[in-house]
Amino acid sequence: MKYALLSDIHSNLHALDACLAHAQTQGVERVAILGDLVSYGAFPAAVVARCQALQQNGAIVLRGNHEELVQTHHIRTSKANPSTTPSLGSLTAQWTHDQLSPAQRFWLEILPLTAQTDQMLLVHASADAPERWRYVDDARMAALSLDAACAHPDVRYVFGGHVHQQSLYYRGTGRQLMAFKPTSGVPIPTPNHRQWIATIGSVGQPRDGNPRAMYAVFDSSLAKLTFHRVAYDHRAAARAVREAGLPDFFAQRLESGQ
């Protein structure tokens, strides 16, 4: 089966629709969304509605740290020390919360942290403690996540998001992980006699200096993983952020991919 793996959409409807359209051209049969549907961007309600519709058609949808932040920030804000410097996420959390319907907020709240299917463990952050939102951003953290996931005998692949970068590690004959640098559009053989862990990048908030959206396709039948970069109208997405009255920094980030 071919899976489209998407994460960190961050209320960017333009990027989400572009990735879903691209995935159709790749013959994708099932979609998996690995958390952080909301925050930062101008279309939280529309993105949530799109993901709800995908779930109704068989997609896997997970909860990320920004789903949690949107649920709790408006409560914390009333109790916070006014001198506390807000985090980047909190700058849009209250606005995002207010854009969502109560039903949408409840749906986000009950999304699972992990899902397992077809020798894959899907998670937003790290599989060793998914509720702690650890960043799998180096070989050490990748090994912790992979060890936790592969303690289950049916798991050979761990796919996550959270770090807004595309990366791939595998474990060969020894215990040390080996890094593999992915190239967009080039299938990577990932035979299941080895253990693999990848971060699939961000659909709606790329941060590597390239504004094109990120996602990946995993073909479980052929044991191949393909990372993709997808051009979309990032200037229109940035313009929508400004028109919504959100901090200009988030519009600039979409324009620069930083």
C-alpha atoms as a PDB file:
ATOM      1  CA  MET A   1       0.000   0.000   0.000  1.00  0.00           C
ATOM      2  CA  LYS A   2       1.146   3.536  -0.711  1.00  0.00           C
ATOM      3  CA  TYR A   3       0.852   5.975   2.196  1.00  0.00           C
ATOM      4  CA  ALA A   4       1.079   9.755   2.014  1.00  0.00           C
ATOM      5  CA  LEU A   5       2.803  10.909   5.212  1.00  0.00           C
ATOM      6  CA  LEU A   6       2.087  14.531   6.113  1.00  0.00           C
ATOM      7  CA  SER A   7       2.887  16.493   9.255  1.00  0.00           C
ATOM      8  CA  ASP A   8       3.041  20.011  10.650  1.00  0.00           C
ATOM      9  CA  ILE A   9       0.413  21.548   8.396  1.00  0.00           C
ATOM     10  CA  HIS A  10       0.056  24.534  10.708  1.00  0.00           C
ATOM     11  CA  SER A  11      -3.199  25.925   9.308  1.00  0.00           C
ATOM     12  CA  ASN A  12      -1.667  26.299   5.830  1.00  0.00           C
ATOM     13  CA  LEU A  13      -4.509  25.246   3.548  1.00  0.00           C
ATOM     14  CA  HIS A  14      -2.645  26.201   0.365  1.00  0.00           C
ATOM     15  CA  ALA A  15       0.225  23.850   1.195  1.00  0.00           C
ATOM     16  CA  LEU A  16      -2.034  21.018   2.383  1.00  0.00           C
ATOM     17  CA  ASP A  17      -4.101  21.027  -0.786  1.00  0.00           C
ATOM     18  CA  ALA A  18      -0.970  21.125  -2.938  1.00  0.00           C
ATOM     19  CA  CYS A  19       0.513  18.106  -1.144  1.00  0.00           C
ATOM     20  CA  LEU A  20      -2.728  16.141  -1.324  1.00  0.00           C
ATOM     21  CA  ALA A  21      -3.006  16.867  -5.054  1.00  0.00           C
ATOM     22  CA  HIS A  22       0.611  15.796  -5.575  1.00  0.00           C
ATOM     23  CA  ALA A  23       0.001  12.611  -3.577  1.00  0.00           C
ATOM     24  CA  GLN A  24      -2.821  11.680  -5.927  1.00  0.00           C
ATOM     25  CA  THR A  25      -0.378  11.747  -8.846  1.00  0.00           C
ATOM     26  CA  GLN A  26       1.814   9.288  -6.905  1.00  0.00           C
ATOM     27  CA  GLY A  27      -0.965   6.719  -6.621  1.00  0.00           C
ATOM     28  CA  VAL A  28      -1.336   7.098  -2.865  1.00  0.00           C
ATOM     29  CA  GLU A  29      -3.960   4.829  -1.316  1.00  0.00           C
ATOM     30  CA  ARG A  30      -4.046   6.053   2.285  1.00  0.00           C
ATOM     31  CA  VAL A  31      -3.184   9.318   4.031  1.00  0.00           C
ATOM     32  CA  ALA A  32      -1.542   9.660   7.444  1.00  0.00           C
ATOM     33  CA  ILE A  33      -1.367  13.075   9.133  1.00  0.00           C
ATOM     34  CA  LEU A  34       1.143  13.109  11.967  1.00  0.00           C
ATOM     35  CA  GLY A  35       0.001  16.066  14.037  1.00  0.00           C
ATOM     36  CA  ASP A  36       0.286  19.851  14.280  1.00  0.00           C
ATOM     37  CA  LEU A  37      -2.650  20.571  12.032  1.00  0.00           C
ATOM     38  CA  VAL A  38      -3.062  24.059  13.499  1.00  0.00           C
ATOM     39  CA  SER A  39      -1.289  27.241  14.700  1.00  0.00           C
ATOM     40  CA  TYR A  40       0.716  29.857  12.808  1.00  0.00           C
ATOM     41  CA  GLY A  41      -1.399  29.950   9.626  1.00  0.00           C
ATOM     42  CA  ALA A  42      -4.614  31.633   8.570  1.00  0.00           C
ATOM     43  CA  PHE A  43      -6.934  28.657   7.961  1.00  0.00           C
ATOM     44  CA  PRO A  44      -7.192  26.488  11.086  1.00  0.00           C
ATOM     45  CA  ALA A  45     -10.899  25.678  10.730  1.00  0.00           C
ATOM     46  CA  ALA A  46     -10.599  24.807   7.038  1.00  0.00           C
ATOM     47  CA  VAL A  47      -7.542  22.623   7.636  1.00  0.00           C
ATOM     48  CA  VAL A  48      -9.262  20.778  10.475  1.00  0.00           C
ATOM     49  CA  ALA A  49     -12.344  20.265   8.324  1.00  0.00           C
ATOM     50  CA  ARG A  50     -10.186  18.894   5.504  1.00  0.00           C
ATOM     51  CA  CYS A  51      -8.450  16.482   7.882  1.00  0.00           C
ATOM     52  CA  GLN A  52     -11.758  15.376   9.395  1.00  0.00           C
ATOM     53  CA  ALA A  53     -13.016  14.543   5.903  1.00  0.00           C
ATOM     54  CA  LEU A  54      -9.821  12.605   5.179  1.00  0.00           C
ATOM     55  CA  GLN A  55     -10.237  10.666   8.408  1.00  0.00           C
ATOM     56  CA  GLN A  56     -13.790   9.744   7.424  1.00  0.00           C
ATOM     57  CA  ASN A  57     -12.311   8.280   4.228  1.00  0.00           C
ATOM     58  CA  GLY A  58      -9.800   6.139   6.114  1.00  0.00           C
ATOM     59  CA  ALA A  59      -6.926   8.511   6.894  1.00  0.00           C
ATOM     60  CA  ILE A  60      -4.915   8.249  10.085  1.00  0.00           C
ATOM     61  CA  VAL A  61      -4.791  11.555  11.990  1.00  0.00           C
ATOM     62  CA  LEU A  62      -2.610  12.086  15.076  1.00  0.00           C
ATOM     63  CA  ARG A  63      -2.416  14.801  17.703  1.00  0.00           C
ATOM     64  CA  GLY A  64       0.594  17.108  17.928  1.00  0.00           C
ATOM     65  CA  ASN A  65       1.825  19.584  20.496  1.00  0.00           C
ATOM     66  CA  HIS A  66       0.039  22.494  18.809  1.00  0.00           C
ATOM     67  CA  GLU A  67      -3.300  20.742  19.151  1.00  0.00           C
ATOM     68  CA  GLU A  68      -2.556  20.563  22.869  1.00  0.00           C
ATOM     69  CA  LEU A  69      -1.390  24.186  22.978  1.00  0.00           C
ATOM     70  CA  VAL A  70      -4.573  25.461  21.346  1.00  0.00           C
ATOM     71  CA  GLN A  71      -6.656  23.537  23.883  1.00  0.00           C
ATOM     72  CA  THR A  72      -4.858  24.870  26.948  1.00  0.00           C
ATOM     73  CA  HIS A  73      -3.376  28.268  26.081  1.00  0.00           C
ATOM     74  CA  HIS A  74      -6.562  30.294  26.555  1.00  0.00           C
ATOM     75  CA  ILE A  75      -6.914  28.797  30.051  1.00  0.00           C
ATOM     76  CA  ARG A  76      -3.282  29.391  30.976  1.00  0.00           C
ATOM     77  CA  THR A  77      -3.318  32.940  29.666  1.00  0.00           C
ATOM     78  CA  SER A  78      -5.720  34.163  32.326  1.00  0.00           C
ATOM     79  CA  LYS A  79      -3.401  32.822  35.036  1.00  0.00           C
ATOM     80  CA  ALA A  80      -0.061  33.721  33.460  1.00  0.00           C
ATOM     81  CA  ASN A  81       2.410  36.271  34.716  1.00  0.00           C
ATOM     82  CA  PRO A  82       1.955  39.219  32.335  1.00  0.00           C
ATOM     83  CA  SER A  83       5.724  39.703  32.220  1.00  0.00           C
ATOM     84  CA  THR A  84       6.240  36.196  30.809  1.00  0.00           C
ATOM     85  CA  THR A  85       7.613  36.223  27.267  1.00  0.00           C
ATOM     86  CA  PRO A  86       5.191  34.315  25.013  1.00  0.00           C
ATOM     87  CA  SER A  87       6.440  31.400  22.930  1.00  0.00           C
ATOM     88  CA  LEU A  88       6.141  31.497  19.147  1.00  0.00           C
ATOM     89  CA  GLY A  89       3.329  28.986  19.296  1.00  0.00           C
ATOM     90  CA  SER A  90       1.382  30.925  21.884  1.00  0.00           C
ATOM     91  CA  LEU A  91       1.356  34.008  19.647  1.00  0.00           C
ATOM     92  CA  THR A  92      -1.340  32.374  17.501  1.00  0.00           C
ATOM     93  CA  ALA A  93      -2.798  29.813  19.934  1.00  0.00           C
ATOM     94  CA  GLN A  94      -5.617  31.973  21.293  1.00  0.00           C
ATOM     95  CA  TRP A  95      -6.595  33.249  17.845  1.00  0.00           C
ATOM     96  CA  THR A  96      -6.576  29.694  16.503  1.00  0.00           C
ATOM     97  CA  HIS A  97      -8.661  28.470  19.433  1.00  0.00           C
ATOM     98  CA  ASP A  98     -11.277  31.116  18.690  1.00  0.00           C
ATOM     99  CA  GLN A  99     -11.461  30.195  15.001  1.00  0.00           C
ATOM    100  CA  LEU A 100     -12.337  26.573  15.737  1.00  0.00           C
ATOM    101  CA  SER A 101     -15.792  25.341  16.622  1.00  0.00           C
ATOM    102  CA  PRO A 102     -16.301  23.494  19.928  1.00  0.00           C
ATOM    103  CA  ALA A 103     -16.764  20.284  17.932  1.00  0.00           C
ATOM    104  CA  GLN A 104     -13.476  20.805  16.105  1.00  0.00           C
ATOM    105  CA  ARG A 105     -11.637  21.517  19.344  1.00  0.00           C
ATOM    106  CA  PHE A 106     -13.065  18.348  20.893  1.00  0.00           C
ATOM    107  CA  TRP A 107     -12.035  16.322  17.834  1.00  0.00           C
ATOM    108  CA  LEU A 108      -8.467  17.621  18.118  1.00  0.00           C
ATOM    109  CA  GLU A 109      -8.415  16.841  21.827  1.00  0.00           C
ATOM    110  CA  ILE A 110      -9.288  13.164  21.374  1.00  0.00           C
ATOM    111  CA  LEU A 111      -6.907  12.414  18.503  1.00  0.00           C
ATOM    112  CA  PRO A 112      -4.404   9.668  19.384  1.00  0.00           C
ATOM    113  CA  LEU A 113      -0.692  10.300  19.943  1.00  0.00           C
ATOM    114  CA  THR A 114       0.427   7.250  17.956  1.00  0.00           C
ATOM    115  CA  ALA A 115      -0.844   4.735  15.443  1.00  0.00           C
ATOM    116  CA  GLN A 116       0.536   1.405  14.292  1.00  0.00           C
ATOM    117  CA  THR A 117      -0.081  -0.179  10.901  1.00  0.00           C
ATOM    118  CA  ASP A 118       1.761  -2.145   8.238  1.00  0.00           C
ATOM    119  CA  GLN A 119       5.028  -2.472  10.257  1.00  0.00           C
ATOM    120  CA  MET A 120       4.952   1.300  10.903  1.00  0.00           C
ATOM    121  CA  LEU A 121       4.738   3.260  14.127  1.00  0.00           C
ATOM    122  CA  LEU A 122       3.428   6.750  13.397  1.00  0.00           C
ATOM    123  CA  VAL A 123       4.013   9.515  15.944  1.00  0.00           C
ATOM    124  CA  HIS A 124       4.284  13.289  15.970  1.00  0.00           C
ATOM    125  CA  ALA A 125       7.455  13.544  18.055  1.00  0.00           C
ATOM    126  CA  SER A 126       9.447  10.743  19.715  1.00  0.00           C
ATOM    127  CA  ALA A 127       8.060   7.249  20.199  1.00  0.00           C
ATOM    128  CA  ASP A 128       9.794   6.789  23.568  1.00  0.00           C
ATOM    129  CA  ALA A 129       7.620   9.491  25.194  1.00  0.00           C
ATOM    130  CA  PRO A 130       5.156  10.885  22.632  1.00  0.00           C
ATOM    131  CA  GLU A 131       3.373  13.057  25.208  1.00  0.00           C
ATOM    132  CA  ARG A 132       6.608  14.931  26.026  1.00  0.00           C
ATOM    133  CA  TRP A 133       7.062  16.263  22.472  1.00  0.00           C
ATOM    134  CA  ARG A 134      10.782  15.512  22.234  1.00  0.00           C
ATOM    135  CA  TYR A 135      12.531  16.516  19.012  1.00  0.00           C
ATOM    136  CA  VAL A 136      14.060  13.692  16.978  1.00  0.00           C
ATOM    137  CA  ASP A 137      16.750  15.975  15.590  1.00  0.00           C
ATOM    138  CA  ASP A 138      19.939  13.905  15.881  1.00  0.00           C
ATOM    139  CA  ALA A 139      21.109  10.288  15.884  1.00  0.00           C
ATOM    140  CA  ARG A 140      20.867   9.952  19.663  1.00  0.00           C
ATOM    141  CA  MET A 141      17.225  10.999  19.793  1.00  0.00           C
ATOM    142  CA  ALA A 142      16.464   8.920  16.709  1.00  0.00           C
ATOM    143  CA  ALA A 143      17.907   5.860  18.459  1.00  0.00           C
ATOM    144  CA  LEU A 144      15.773   6.449  21.567  1.00  0.00           C
ATOM    145  CA  SER A 145      12.623   6.719  19.478  1.00  0.00           C
ATOM    146  CA  LEU A 146      13.494   3.759  17.280  1.00  0.00           C
ATOM    147  CA  ASP A 147      14.343   1.508  20.242  1.00  0.00           C
ATOM    148  CA  ALA A 148      11.036   2.306  21.924  1.00  0.00           C
ATOM    149  CA  ALA A 149       9.010   1.671  18.795  1.00  0.00           C
ATOM    150  CA  CYS A 150      10.847  -1.462  17.691  1.00  0.00           C
ATOM    151  CA  ALA A 151      10.420  -3.067  21.094  1.00  0.00           C
ATOM    152  CA  HIS A 152       7.211  -4.180  19.432  1.00  0.00           C
ATOM    153  CA  PRO A 153       8.167  -7.065  17.113  1.00  0.00           C
ATOM    154  CA  ASP A 154       5.849  -5.927  14.308  1.00  0.00           C
ATOM    155  CA  VAL A 155       7.425  -2.462  13.931  1.00  0.00           C
ATOM    156  CA  ARG A 156      10.264  -1.871  11.455  1.00  0.00           C
ATOM    157  CA  TYR A 157       9.598   1.764  10.539  1.00  0.00           C
ATOM    158  CA  VAL A 158       9.039   4.893  12.630  1.00  0.00           C
ATOM    159  CA  PHE A 159       7.699   7.996  10.911  1.00  0.00           C
ATOM    160  CA  GLY A 160       7.283  11.343  12.645  1.00  0.00           C
ATOM    161  CA  GLY A 161       7.286  15.090  12.199  1.00  0.00           C
ATOM    162  CA  HIS A 162       7.754  17.910  14.721  1.00  0.00           C
ATOM    163  CA  VAL A 163      11.255  19.030  13.644  1.00  0.00           C
ATOM    164  CA  HIS A 164      10.203  20.549  10.273  1.00  0.00           C
ATOM    165  CA  GLN A 165      13.124  18.818   8.552  1.00  0.00           C
ATOM    166  CA  GLN A 166      13.362  15.712   6.373  1.00  0.00           C
ATOM    167  CA  SER A 167      15.732  13.065   7.718  1.00  0.00           C
ATOM    168  CA  LEU A 168      16.260   9.319   7.581  1.00  0.00           C
ATOM    169  CA  TYR A 169      18.270   6.946   9.787  1.00  0.00           C
ATOM    170  CA  TYR A 170      18.627   3.190   9.687  1.00  0.00           C
ATOM    171  CA  ARG A 171      20.187   0.539  11.864  1.00  0.00           C
ATOM    172  CA  GLY A 172      22.418  -1.901  10.063  1.00  0.00           C
ATOM    173  CA  THR A 173      24.318  -4.837  11.516  1.00  0.00           C
ATOM    174  CA  GLY A 174      25.436  -2.894  14.593  1.00  0.00           C
ATOM    175  CA  ARG A 175      23.517  -0.809  17.101  1.00  0.00           C
ATOM    176  CA  GLN A 176      24.654   2.573  15.831  1.00  0.00           C
ATOM    177  CA  LEU A 177      22.340   4.446  13.504  1.00  0.00           C
ATOM    178  CA  MET A 178      23.429   5.488  10.046  1.00  0.00           C
ATOM    179  CA  ALA A 179      22.114   8.710   8.511  1.00  0.00           C
ATOM    180  CA  PHE A 180      20.863   8.837   4.937  1.00  0.00           C
ATOM    181  CA  LYS A 181      20.417  12.180   3.213  1.00  0.00           C
ATOM    182  CA  PRO A 182      17.181  12.145   1.193  1.00  0.00           C
ATOM    183  CA  THR A 183      16.798  13.697  -2.241  1.00  0.00           C
ATOM    184  CA  SER A 184      13.370  14.965  -3.238  1.00  0.00           C
ATOM    185  CA  GLY A 185      11.516  12.645  -5.584  1.00  0.00           C
ATOM    186  CA  VAL A 186      14.075   9.820  -5.435  1.00  0.00           C
ATOM    187  CA  PRO A 187      12.743   6.528  -3.975  1.00  0.00           C
ATOM    188  CA  ILE A 188      14.901   5.080  -1.200  1.00  0.00           C
ATOM    189  CA  PRO A 189      14.925   1.301  -0.691  1.00  0.00           C
ATOM    190  CA  THR A 190      14.019   0.615   2.947  1.00  0.00           C
ATOM    191  CA  PRO A 191      14.058  -3.194   3.308  1.00  0.00           C
ATOM    192  CA  ASN A 192      12.361  -4.449   6.428  1.00  0.00           C
ATOM    193  CA  HIS A 193      15.273  -6.606   7.599  1.00  0.00           C
ATOM    194  CA  ARG A 194      16.586  -3.283   8.937  1.00  0.00           C
ATOM    195  CA  GLN A 195      14.989  -0.733  11.269  1.00  0.00           C
ATOM    196  CA  TRP A 196      14.243   2.748   9.909  1.00  0.00           C
ATOM    197  CA  ILE A 197      13.244   6.093  11.396  1.00  0.00           C
ATOM    198  CA  ALA A 198      12.376   9.208   9.426  1.00  0.00           C
ATOM    199  CA  THR A 199      11.097  12.699  10.020  1.00  0.00           C
ATOM    200  CA  ILE A 200       8.973  13.652   7.059  1.00  0.00           C
ATOM    201  CA  GLY A 201       9.236  17.439   7.264  1.00  0.00           C
ATOM    202  CA  SER A 202       6.565  20.100   7.416  1.00  0.00           C
ATOM    203  CA  VAL A 203       3.732  20.637   4.966  1.00  0.00           C
ATOM    204  CA  GLY A 204       2.962  24.174   6.066  1.00  0.00           C
ATOM    205  CA  GLN A 205       6.090  25.537   7.763  1.00  0.00           C
ATOM    206  CA  PRO A 206       9.338  24.527   5.993  1.00  0.00           C
ATOM    207  CA  ARG A 207      12.373  25.884   7.809  1.00  0.00           C
ATOM    208  CA  ASP A 208      15.350  24.984   5.627  1.00  0.00           C
ATOM    209  CA  GLY A 209      15.367  28.077   3.429  1.00  0.00           C
ATOM    210  CA  ASN A 210      13.129  26.468   0.808  1.00  0.00           C
ATOM    211  CA  PRO A 211       9.452  27.524   0.874  1.00  0.00           C
ATOM    212  CA  ARG A 212       8.219  24.390  -0.921  1.00  0.00           C
ATOM    213  CA  ALA A 213       6.012  22.110   1.179  1.00  0.00           C
ATOM    214  CA  MET A 214       7.368  18.795   2.467  1.00  0.00           C
ATOM    215  CA  TYR A 215       5.786  15.373   2.717  1.00  0.00           C
ATOM    216  CA  ALA A 216       6.707  11.747   1.978  1.00  0.00           C
ATOM    217  CA  VAL A 217       5.269   8.635   0.352  1.00  0.00           C
ATOM    218  CA  PHE A 218       5.923   5.178   1.796  1.00  0.00           C
ATOM    219  CA  ASP A 219       5.236   2.136  -0.374  1.00  0.00           C
ATOM    220  CA  SER A 220       4.915  -0.714   2.104  1.00  0.00           C
ATOM    221  CA  SER A 221       4.641  -3.346  -0.621  1.00  0.00           C
ATOM    222  CA  LEU A 222       7.903  -2.341  -2.321  1.00  0.00           C
ATOM    223  CA  ALA A 223       9.576  -1.128   0.911  1.00  0.00           C
ATOM    224  CA  LYS A 224      10.460   2.252  -0.585  1.00  0.00           C
ATOM    225  CA  LEU A 225      10.286   5.733   0.920  1.00  0.00           C
ATOM    226  CA  THR A 226      10.199   8.872  -1.217  1.00  0.00           C
ATOM    227  CA  PHE A 227      10.551  12.369   0.209  1.00  0.00           C
ATOM    228  CA  HIS A 228       8.862  15.135  -1.770  1.00  0.00           C
ATOM    229  CA  ARG A 229       9.005  18.919  -2.028  1.00  0.00           C
ATOM    230  CA  VAL A 230       5.925  20.545  -3.523  1.00  0.00           C
ATOM    231  CA  ALA A 231       5.673  24.074  -4.864  1.00  0.00           C
ATOM    232  CA  TYR A 232       2.516  25.942  -3.838  1.00  0.00           C
ATOM    233  CA  ASP A 233       1.326  29.534  -3.706  1.00  0.00           C
ATOM    234  CA  HIS A 234       3.263  30.401  -0.542  1.00  0.00           C
ATOM    235  CA  ARG A 235       2.885  34.102  -1.248  1.00  0.00           C
ATOM    236  CA  ALA A 236      -0.904  33.752  -1.119  1.00  0.00           C
ATOM    237  CA  ALA A 237      -0.585  31.807   2.137  1.00  0.00           C
ATOM    238  CA  ALA A 238       1.605  34.587   3.562  1.00  0.00           C
ATOM    239  CA  ARG A 239      -0.827  37.232   2.381  1.00  0.00           C
ATOM    240  CA  ALA A 240      -3.660  35.411   4.158  1.00  0.00           C
ATOM    241  CA  VAL A 241      -1.660  35.452   7.400  1.00  0.00           C
ATOM    242  CA  ARG A 242      -1.305  39.224   7.163  1.00  0.00           C
ATOM    243  CA  GLU A 243      -4.973  39.704   6.250  1.00  0.00           C
ATOM    244  CA  ALA A 244      -5.966  37.663   9.313  1.00  0.00           C
ATOM    245  CA  GLY A 245      -4.027  40.098  11.497  1.00  0.00           C
ATOM    246  CA  LEU A 246      -1.543  37.483  12.703  1.00  0.00           C
ATOM    247  CA  PRO A 247       2.086  38.409  13.481  1.00  0.00           C
ATOM    248  CA  ASP A 248       3.944  39.350  10.306  1.00  0.00           C
ATOM    249  CA  PHE A 249       6.793  37.057  11.324  1.00  0.00           C
ATOM    250  CA  PHE A 250       4.699  34.044  10.342  1.00  0.00           C
ATOM    251  CA  ALA A 251       4.039  35.478   6.897  1.00  0.00           C
ATOM    252  CA  GLN A 252       7.739  36.168   6.421  1.00  0.00           C
ATOM    253  CA  ARG A 253       8.540  32.599   7.437  1.00  0.00           C
ATOM    254  CA  LEU A 254       6.287  31.246   4.681  1.00  0.00           C
ATOM    255  CA  GLU A 255       7.879  33.536   2.114  1.00  0.00           C
ATOM    256  CA  SER A 256      11.444  32.606   3.029  1.00  0.00           C
ATOM    257  CA  GLY A 257      10.989  29.011   4.170  1.00  0.00           C
ATOM    258  CA  GLN A 258      12.936  29.783   7.323  1.00  0.00           C
END
